[in-house]
Amino acid sequence: MTSISLAEYHKQFSGGRKTTSKRNKPNKFNAQKIEKNGMKFDSQKEYKRYIELTAMQQRGEILDLRCQVKFELAPKVKIAGEKRAKPALRYFADFTYIKNGMLIVEDVKSAVTRKLASFRNKKHLMKTVHDIDIKEV
């Protein structure tokens, strides 16, 4: 978490809607994708958290709830000897919002997925690059 004004937050981060992959392969962790009110979620747990957060926003407990906010962790790079440039490393937060003047970045994780090396590395990079702690729910 880091202190940030709402104006700075809007300027720095722009959230988009979640898009689905063109491939329709089953999720390796058995999570069922869900679509509600034109929005797509990777799991039932993520959808339930979205409902909780929207209720918190309606009560005025949080501000500016956003879904699938993109953070760049490393820019694209051309490595000598490689034919193509390596794409930028990105992290897509499930949710971001402002609570008590602080930017909160949330990721809905199961016990299994929070232990994955890929997520741990992105969590480390988010702290290093953006000085943001990811709240795991």
N, C-alpha and C. Protein backbone atom coordinates (compact mmCIF):
# COMPACT_ATOMS: atom_id res chain seq x y z
N MET A 1 0.84 -1.18 0.00
CA MET A 1 0.00 0.00 0.00
C MET A 1 0.89 1.24 0.00
N THR A 2 0.41 2.25 -0.66
CA THR A 2 1.15 3.50 -0.71
C THR A 2 0.17 4.65 -0.71
N SER A 3 0.58 5.76 -0.15
CA SER A 3 -0.28 6.94 -0.11
C SER A 3 -0.26 7.61 -1.48
N ILE A 4 -1.45 7.91 -2.00
CA ILE A 4 -1.55 8.51 -3.33
C ILE A 4 -2.86 9.29 -3.38
N SER A 5 -2.82 10.47 -4.02
CA SER A 5 -4.05 11.24 -4.15
C SER A 5 -4.92 10.61 -5.23
N LEU A 6 -6.19 10.88 -5.16
CA LEU A 6 -7.13 10.34 -6.14
C LEU A 6 -6.79 10.83 -7.54
N ALA A 7 -6.39 12.09 -7.67
CA ALA A 7 -6.03 12.63 -8.99
C ALA A 7 -4.79 11.92 -9.54
N GLU A 8 -3.78 11.70 -8.67
CA GLU A 8 -2.57 10.99 -9.11
C GLU A 8 -2.92 9.56 -9.53
N TYR A 9 -3.81 8.95 -8.76
CA TYR A 9 -4.22 7.58 -9.05
C TYR A 9 -4.85 7.48 -10.43
N HIS A 10 -5.77 8.42 -10.73
CA HIS A 10 -6.43 8.42 -12.04
C HIS A 10 -5.42 8.64 -13.16
N LYS A 11 -4.47 9.53 -12.92
CA LYS A 11 -3.48 9.84 -13.93
C LYS A 11 -2.55 8.66 -14.18
N GLN A 12 -2.16 7.97 -13.11
CA GLN A 12 -1.16 6.91 -13.23
C GLN A 12 -1.75 5.57 -13.66
N PHE A 13 -2.93 5.24 -13.18
CA PHE A 13 -3.49 3.92 -13.43
C PHE A 13 -4.82 4.02 -14.16
N SER A 14 -4.95 3.25 -15.22
CA SER A 14 -6.23 3.20 -15.92
C SER A 14 -6.68 1.75 -15.96
N GLY A 15 -7.85 1.48 -15.45
CA GLY A 15 -8.36 0.11 -15.40
C GLY A 15 -9.23 -0.20 -16.58
N GLY A 16 -9.16 -1.41 -17.05
CA GLY A 16 -10.00 -1.86 -18.14
C GLY A 16 -10.85 -3.02 -17.70
N ARG A 17 -11.68 -3.45 -18.54
CA ARG A 17 -12.51 -4.62 -18.25
C ARG A 17 -11.72 -5.87 -18.58
N LYS A 18 -12.04 -6.90 -17.89
CA LYS A 18 -11.37 -8.17 -18.09
C LYS A 18 -11.77 -8.74 -19.44
N THR A 19 -10.80 -9.25 -20.17
CA THR A 19 -11.09 -9.89 -21.44
C THR A 19 -10.79 -11.37 -21.33
N THR A 20 -11.48 -12.14 -22.12
CA THR A 20 -11.23 -13.58 -22.08
C THR A 20 -10.22 -13.96 -23.14
N SER A 21 -9.56 -15.05 -22.90
CA SER A 21 -8.60 -15.58 -23.85
C SER A 21 -9.33 -16.15 -25.05
N LYS A 22 -8.67 -16.14 -26.20
CA LYS A 22 -9.29 -16.72 -27.39
C LYS A 22 -9.31 -18.23 -27.30
N ARG A 23 -8.45 -18.77 -26.44
CA ARG A 23 -8.43 -20.22 -26.24
C ARG A 23 -9.43 -20.58 -25.15
N ASN A 24 -10.19 -21.60 -25.35
CA ASN A 24 -11.16 -22.03 -24.35
C ASN A 24 -10.69 -23.33 -23.70
N LYS A 25 -9.53 -23.29 -23.09
CA LYS A 25 -9.05 -24.48 -22.42
C LYS A 25 -9.44 -24.42 -20.95
N PRO A 26 -9.59 -25.56 -20.31
CA PRO A 26 -10.00 -25.57 -18.91
C PRO A 26 -8.92 -24.98 -18.01
N ASN A 27 -9.35 -24.38 -16.91
CA ASN A 27 -8.43 -23.79 -15.95
C ASN A 27 -7.72 -24.91 -15.20
N LYS A 28 -6.41 -24.80 -15.06
CA LYS A 28 -5.66 -25.87 -14.42
C LYS A 28 -5.92 -25.97 -12.93
N PHE A 29 -6.54 -24.95 -12.33
CA PHE A 29 -6.88 -25.00 -10.91
C PHE A 29 -8.38 -25.20 -10.69
N ASN A 30 -9.10 -25.58 -11.74
CA ASN A 30 -10.53 -25.88 -11.70
C ASN A 30 -11.42 -24.67 -11.38
N ALA A 31 -10.90 -23.47 -11.54
CA ALA A 31 -11.73 -22.29 -11.34
C ALA A 31 -12.66 -22.15 -12.54
N GLN A 32 -13.88 -21.79 -12.27
CA GLN A 32 -14.88 -21.62 -13.32
C GLN A 32 -15.03 -20.14 -13.64
N LYS A 33 -14.77 -19.77 -14.90
CA LYS A 33 -14.96 -18.38 -15.30
C LYS A 33 -16.46 -18.06 -15.22
N ILE A 34 -16.74 -16.81 -14.90
CA ILE A 34 -18.13 -16.41 -14.73
C ILE A 34 -18.33 -15.04 -15.37
N GLU A 35 -19.51 -14.84 -15.98
CA GLU A 35 -19.84 -13.54 -16.56
C GLU A 35 -21.13 -13.05 -15.92
N LYS A 36 -21.07 -11.85 -15.37
CA LYS A 36 -22.24 -11.24 -14.72
C LYS A 36 -22.29 -9.77 -15.12
N ASN A 37 -23.45 -9.32 -15.52
CA ASN A 37 -23.68 -7.92 -15.87
C ASN A 37 -22.64 -7.40 -16.87
N GLY A 38 -22.28 -8.24 -17.83
CA GLY A 38 -21.33 -7.84 -18.86
C GLY A 38 -19.87 -7.84 -18.44
N MET A 39 -19.60 -8.27 -17.22
CA MET A 39 -18.22 -8.33 -16.72
C MET A 39 -17.81 -9.79 -16.60
N LYS A 40 -16.53 -10.05 -16.83
CA LYS A 40 -16.02 -11.41 -16.78
C LYS A 40 -15.04 -11.55 -15.63
N PHE A 41 -15.16 -12.65 -14.90
CA PHE A 41 -14.32 -12.92 -13.75
C PHE A 41 -13.71 -14.31 -13.91
N ASP A 42 -12.48 -14.46 -13.40
CA ASP A 42 -11.77 -15.73 -13.54
C ASP A 42 -12.29 -16.83 -12.61
N SER A 43 -13.02 -16.44 -11.57
CA SER A 43 -13.53 -17.45 -10.64
C SER A 43 -14.75 -16.91 -9.90
N GLN A 44 -15.47 -17.82 -9.29
CA GLN A 44 -16.61 -17.46 -8.45
C GLN A 44 -16.13 -16.63 -7.26
N LYS A 45 -14.97 -16.99 -6.71
CA LYS A 45 -14.40 -16.28 -5.57
C LYS A 45 -14.10 -14.82 -5.94
N GLU A 46 -13.56 -14.61 -7.13
CA GLU A 46 -13.27 -13.24 -7.58
C GLU A 46 -14.56 -12.45 -7.75
N TYR A 47 -15.60 -13.08 -8.30
CA TYR A 47 -16.89 -12.40 -8.46
C TYR A 47 -17.48 -12.01 -7.11
N LYS A 48 -17.41 -12.92 -6.14
CA LYS A 48 -17.94 -12.62 -4.80
C LYS A 48 -17.20 -11.45 -4.16
N ARG A 49 -15.89 -11.40 -4.37
CA ARG A 49 -15.11 -10.29 -3.83
C ARG A 49 -15.51 -8.98 -4.50
N TYR A 50 -15.79 -9.03 -5.80
CA TYR A 50 -16.25 -7.84 -6.52
C TYR A 50 -17.56 -7.33 -5.91
N ILE A 51 -18.48 -8.21 -5.61
CA ILE A 51 -19.76 -7.83 -5.00
C ILE A 51 -19.50 -7.17 -3.64
N GLU A 52 -18.60 -7.75 -2.83
CA GLU A 52 -18.26 -7.16 -1.53
C GLU A 52 -17.69 -5.75 -1.70
N LEU A 53 -16.77 -5.60 -2.65
CA LEU A 53 -16.13 -4.31 -2.86
C LEU A 53 -17.11 -3.26 -3.39
N THR A 54 -18.03 -3.66 -4.27
CA THR A 54 -19.01 -2.69 -4.77
C THR A 54 -19.93 -2.23 -3.64
N ALA A 55 -20.27 -3.14 -2.73
CA ALA A 55 -21.09 -2.76 -1.57
C ALA A 55 -20.31 -1.79 -0.67
N MET A 56 -19.02 -2.05 -0.48
CA MET A 56 -18.18 -1.15 0.33
C MET A 56 -18.10 0.23 -0.32
N GLN A 57 -18.02 0.26 -1.63
CA GLN A 57 -17.97 1.54 -2.34
C GLN A 57 -19.29 2.30 -2.19
N GLN A 58 -20.41 1.58 -2.28
CA GLN A 58 -21.72 2.22 -2.13
C GLN A 58 -21.90 2.80 -0.73
N ARG A 59 -21.30 2.14 0.28
CA ARG A 59 -21.38 2.64 1.66
C ARG A 59 -20.36 3.75 1.92
N GLY A 60 -19.50 4.05 0.95
CA GLY A 60 -18.51 5.10 1.10
C GLY A 60 -17.26 4.66 1.84
N GLU A 61 -17.08 3.36 2.03
CA GLU A 61 -15.89 2.86 2.74
C GLU A 61 -14.65 2.88 1.85
N ILE A 62 -14.84 2.75 0.54
CA ILE A 62 -13.73 2.81 -0.41
C ILE A 62 -14.14 3.72 -1.57
N LEU A 63 -13.14 4.16 -2.34
CA LEU A 63 -13.40 5.01 -3.50
C LEU A 63 -12.77 4.39 -4.74
N ASP A 64 -13.32 4.71 -5.89
CA ASP A 64 -12.72 4.43 -7.19
C ASP A 64 -12.33 2.97 -7.40
N LEU A 65 -13.26 2.07 -7.18
CA LEU A 65 -13.02 0.65 -7.42
C LEU A 65 -12.78 0.42 -8.91
N ARG A 66 -11.70 -0.27 -9.22
CA ARG A 66 -11.37 -0.61 -10.61
C ARG A 66 -11.04 -2.09 -10.70
N CYS A 67 -11.30 -2.65 -11.87
CA CYS A 67 -11.01 -4.07 -12.12
C CYS A 67 -9.92 -4.20 -13.18
N GLN A 68 -9.08 -5.19 -13.00
CA GLN A 68 -8.04 -5.54 -13.99
C GLN A 68 -7.17 -4.34 -14.37
N VAL A 69 -6.54 -3.75 -13.38
CA VAL A 69 -5.64 -2.62 -13.60
C VAL A 69 -4.26 -3.16 -13.97
N LYS A 70 -3.71 -2.62 -15.05
CA LYS A 70 -2.42 -3.09 -15.55
C LYS A 70 -1.28 -2.28 -14.94
N PHE A 71 -0.26 -3.00 -14.47
CA PHE A 71 0.96 -2.39 -13.96
C PHE A 71 2.12 -2.94 -14.78
N GLU A 72 3.00 -2.07 -15.25
CA GLU A 72 4.19 -2.54 -15.96
C GLU A 72 5.31 -2.75 -14.95
N LEU A 73 5.87 -3.95 -14.96
CA LEU A 73 6.92 -4.30 -14.02
C LEU A 73 8.31 -4.16 -14.63
N ALA A 74 8.41 -4.33 -15.94
CA ALA A 74 9.68 -4.16 -16.66
C ALA A 74 9.33 -3.85 -18.11
N PRO A 75 10.04 -2.92 -18.74
CA PRO A 75 9.73 -2.58 -20.13
C PRO A 75 10.18 -3.68 -21.08
N LYS A 76 9.68 -3.62 -22.31
CA LYS A 76 10.13 -4.60 -23.30
C LYS A 76 11.61 -4.37 -23.56
N VAL A 77 12.30 -5.43 -23.97
CA VAL A 77 13.74 -5.33 -24.15
C VAL A 77 14.17 -6.19 -25.33
N LYS A 78 15.15 -5.70 -26.06
CA LYS A 78 15.75 -6.46 -27.16
C LYS A 78 17.05 -7.06 -26.64
N ILE A 79 17.12 -8.37 -26.64
CA ILE A 79 18.28 -9.09 -26.14
C ILE A 79 19.15 -9.48 -27.34
N ALA A 80 20.45 -9.23 -27.22
CA ALA A 80 21.38 -9.54 -28.30
C ALA A 80 21.27 -11.03 -28.65
N GLY A 81 21.21 -11.30 -29.94
CA GLY A 81 21.13 -12.67 -30.40
C GLY A 81 19.71 -13.21 -30.54
N GLU A 82 18.74 -12.49 -30.01
CA GLU A 82 17.33 -12.91 -30.11
C GLU A 82 16.71 -12.26 -31.35
N LYS A 83 15.83 -12.98 -32.03
CA LYS A 83 15.19 -12.43 -33.23
C LYS A 83 14.21 -11.31 -32.90
N ARG A 84 13.44 -11.51 -31.82
CA ARG A 84 12.42 -10.53 -31.47
C ARG A 84 12.67 -9.97 -30.07
N ALA A 85 12.13 -8.80 -29.83
CA ALA A 85 12.22 -8.19 -28.50
C ALA A 85 11.33 -8.97 -27.53
N LYS A 86 11.75 -9.04 -26.31
CA LYS A 86 10.94 -9.66 -25.26
C LYS A 86 9.89 -8.63 -24.82
N PRO A 87 8.65 -9.07 -24.68
CA PRO A 87 7.60 -8.10 -24.30
C PRO A 87 7.78 -7.61 -22.87
N ALA A 88 7.13 -6.50 -22.58
CA ALA A 88 7.16 -5.95 -21.22
C ALA A 88 6.55 -6.96 -20.25
N LEU A 89 7.05 -6.97 -19.01
CA LEU A 89 6.45 -7.80 -17.97
C LEU A 89 5.36 -6.98 -17.31
N ARG A 90 4.17 -7.55 -17.24
CA ARG A 90 3.02 -6.84 -16.68
C ARG A 90 2.34 -7.66 -15.61
N TYR A 91 1.70 -6.95 -14.71
CA TYR A 91 0.87 -7.58 -13.68
C TYR A 91 -0.50 -6.94 -13.77
N PHE A 92 -1.53 -7.76 -13.81
CA PHE A 92 -2.91 -7.28 -13.83
C PHE A 92 -3.52 -7.55 -12.46
N ALA A 93 -3.77 -6.48 -11.73
CA ALA A 93 -4.40 -6.60 -10.41
C ALA A 93 -5.88 -6.90 -10.60
N ASP A 94 -6.42 -7.80 -9.79
CA ASP A 94 -7.85 -8.07 -9.88
C ASP A 94 -8.65 -6.82 -9.55
N PHE A 95 -8.25 -6.12 -8.48
CA PHE A 95 -8.97 -4.92 -8.06
C PHE A 95 -8.00 -3.89 -7.50
N THR A 96 -8.32 -2.62 -7.72
CA THR A 96 -7.64 -1.53 -7.03
C THR A 96 -8.71 -0.58 -6.54
N TYR A 97 -8.42 0.09 -5.43
CA TYR A 97 -9.34 1.08 -4.88
C TYR A 97 -8.58 1.95 -3.89
N ILE A 98 -9.21 3.03 -3.48
CA ILE A 98 -8.64 3.94 -2.49
C ILE A 98 -9.40 3.72 -1.18
N LYS A 99 -8.64 3.49 -0.12
CA LYS A 99 -9.23 3.36 1.22
C LYS A 99 -8.40 4.20 2.19
N ASN A 100 -9.04 5.13 2.85
CA ASN A 100 -8.37 6.04 3.78
C ASN A 100 -7.18 6.74 3.13
N GLY A 101 -7.34 7.14 1.87
CA GLY A 101 -6.30 7.85 1.15
C GLY A 101 -5.16 6.99 0.64
N MET A 102 -5.27 5.69 0.81
CA MET A 102 -4.22 4.75 0.40
C MET A 102 -4.69 3.94 -0.80
N LEU A 103 -3.78 3.71 -1.74
CA LEU A 103 -4.08 2.83 -2.87
C LEU A 103 -3.96 1.39 -2.39
N ILE A 104 -5.01 0.62 -2.59
CA ILE A 104 -5.00 -0.80 -2.25
C ILE A 104 -5.05 -1.59 -3.55
N VAL A 105 -4.17 -2.55 -3.68
CA VAL A 105 -4.12 -3.44 -4.84
C VAL A 105 -4.42 -4.83 -4.34
N GLU A 106 -5.49 -5.44 -4.86
CA GLU A 106 -5.93 -6.76 -4.40
C GLU A 106 -5.84 -7.80 -5.50
N ASP A 107 -5.52 -9.01 -5.08
CA ASP A 107 -5.54 -10.15 -5.97
C ASP A 107 -6.23 -11.30 -5.25
N VAL A 108 -7.23 -11.87 -5.88
CA VAL A 108 -7.96 -12.99 -5.30
C VAL A 108 -7.18 -14.25 -5.62
N LYS A 109 -6.75 -14.94 -4.58
CA LYS A 109 -5.91 -16.13 -4.76
C LYS A 109 -6.42 -17.28 -3.91
N SER A 110 -6.25 -18.49 -4.45
CA SER A 110 -6.50 -19.68 -3.65
C SER A 110 -5.21 -20.02 -2.92
N ALA A 111 -5.28 -20.97 -2.00
CA ALA A 111 -4.09 -21.39 -1.26
C ALA A 111 -3.01 -21.90 -2.21
N VAL A 112 -3.41 -22.55 -3.29
CA VAL A 112 -2.45 -23.10 -4.25
C VAL A 112 -1.82 -22.00 -5.09
N THR A 113 -2.63 -21.10 -5.65
CA THR A 113 -2.09 -20.10 -6.58
C THR A 113 -1.25 -19.04 -5.89
N ARG A 114 -1.48 -18.78 -4.61
CA ARG A 114 -0.66 -17.76 -3.94
C ARG A 114 0.76 -18.25 -3.69
N LYS A 115 0.98 -19.56 -3.82
CA LYS A 115 2.32 -20.12 -3.62
C LYS A 115 3.11 -20.24 -4.92
N LEU A 116 2.48 -19.96 -6.05
CA LEU A 116 3.17 -20.10 -7.34
C LEU A 116 4.32 -19.11 -7.46
N ALA A 117 5.41 -19.57 -8.03
CA ALA A 117 6.60 -18.73 -8.20
C ALA A 117 6.29 -17.51 -9.06
N SER A 118 5.49 -17.68 -10.10
CA SER A 118 5.17 -16.55 -10.98
C SER A 118 4.47 -15.43 -10.21
N PHE A 119 3.54 -15.79 -9.33
CA PHE A 119 2.85 -14.76 -8.55
C PHE A 119 3.79 -14.15 -7.52
N ARG A 120 4.59 -14.97 -6.85
CA ARG A 120 5.53 -14.44 -5.86
C ARG A 120 6.52 -13.47 -6.50
N ASN A 121 6.97 -13.78 -7.72
CA ASN A 121 7.89 -12.89 -8.43
C ASN A 121 7.22 -11.56 -8.78
N LYS A 122 5.98 -11.62 -9.24
CA LYS A 122 5.26 -10.39 -9.58
C LYS A 122 4.99 -9.55 -8.33
N LYS A 123 4.69 -10.23 -7.24
CA LYS A 123 4.46 -9.53 -5.98
C LYS A 123 5.75 -8.81 -5.55
N HIS A 124 6.88 -9.48 -5.69
CA HIS A 124 8.18 -8.90 -5.37
C HIS A 124 8.47 -7.69 -6.26
N LEU A 125 8.22 -7.83 -7.56
CA LEU A 125 8.46 -6.74 -8.49
C LEU A 125 7.52 -5.55 -8.24
N MET A 126 6.28 -5.81 -7.88
CA MET A 126 5.35 -4.71 -7.58
C MET A 126 5.88 -3.88 -6.43
N LYS A 127 6.43 -4.53 -5.41
CA LYS A 127 6.98 -3.80 -4.27
C LYS A 127 8.24 -3.05 -4.68
N THR A 128 9.09 -3.70 -5.45
CA THR A 128 10.35 -3.09 -5.87
C THR A 128 10.14 -1.92 -6.82
N VAL A 129 9.33 -2.11 -7.85
CA VAL A 129 9.16 -1.12 -8.90
C VAL A 129 8.19 -0.01 -8.50
N HIS A 130 7.05 -0.38 -7.91
CA HIS A 130 6.00 0.61 -7.61
C HIS A 130 5.83 0.90 -6.13
N ASP A 131 6.57 0.20 -5.26
CA ASP A 131 6.43 0.32 -3.81
C ASP A 131 4.99 0.06 -3.37
N ILE A 132 4.40 -0.97 -3.97
CA ILE A 132 3.02 -1.35 -3.67
C ILE A 132 2.99 -2.79 -3.17
N ASP A 133 2.35 -2.99 -2.03
CA ASP A 133 2.13 -4.35 -1.52
C ASP A 133 0.81 -4.86 -2.09
N ILE A 134 0.82 -6.09 -2.58
CA ILE A 134 -0.41 -6.70 -3.09
C ILE A 134 -1.12 -7.37 -1.92
N LYS A 135 -2.38 -7.04 -1.74
CA LYS A 135 -3.20 -7.66 -0.70
C LYS A 135 -3.83 -8.90 -1.31
N GLU A 136 -3.52 -10.05 -0.73
CA GLU A 136 -4.09 -11.32 -1.21
C GLU A 136 -5.37 -11.61 -0.46
N VAL A 137 -6.42 -11.93 -1.20
CA VAL A 137 -7.72 -12.20 -0.61
C VAL A 137 -8.10 -13.63 -0.91
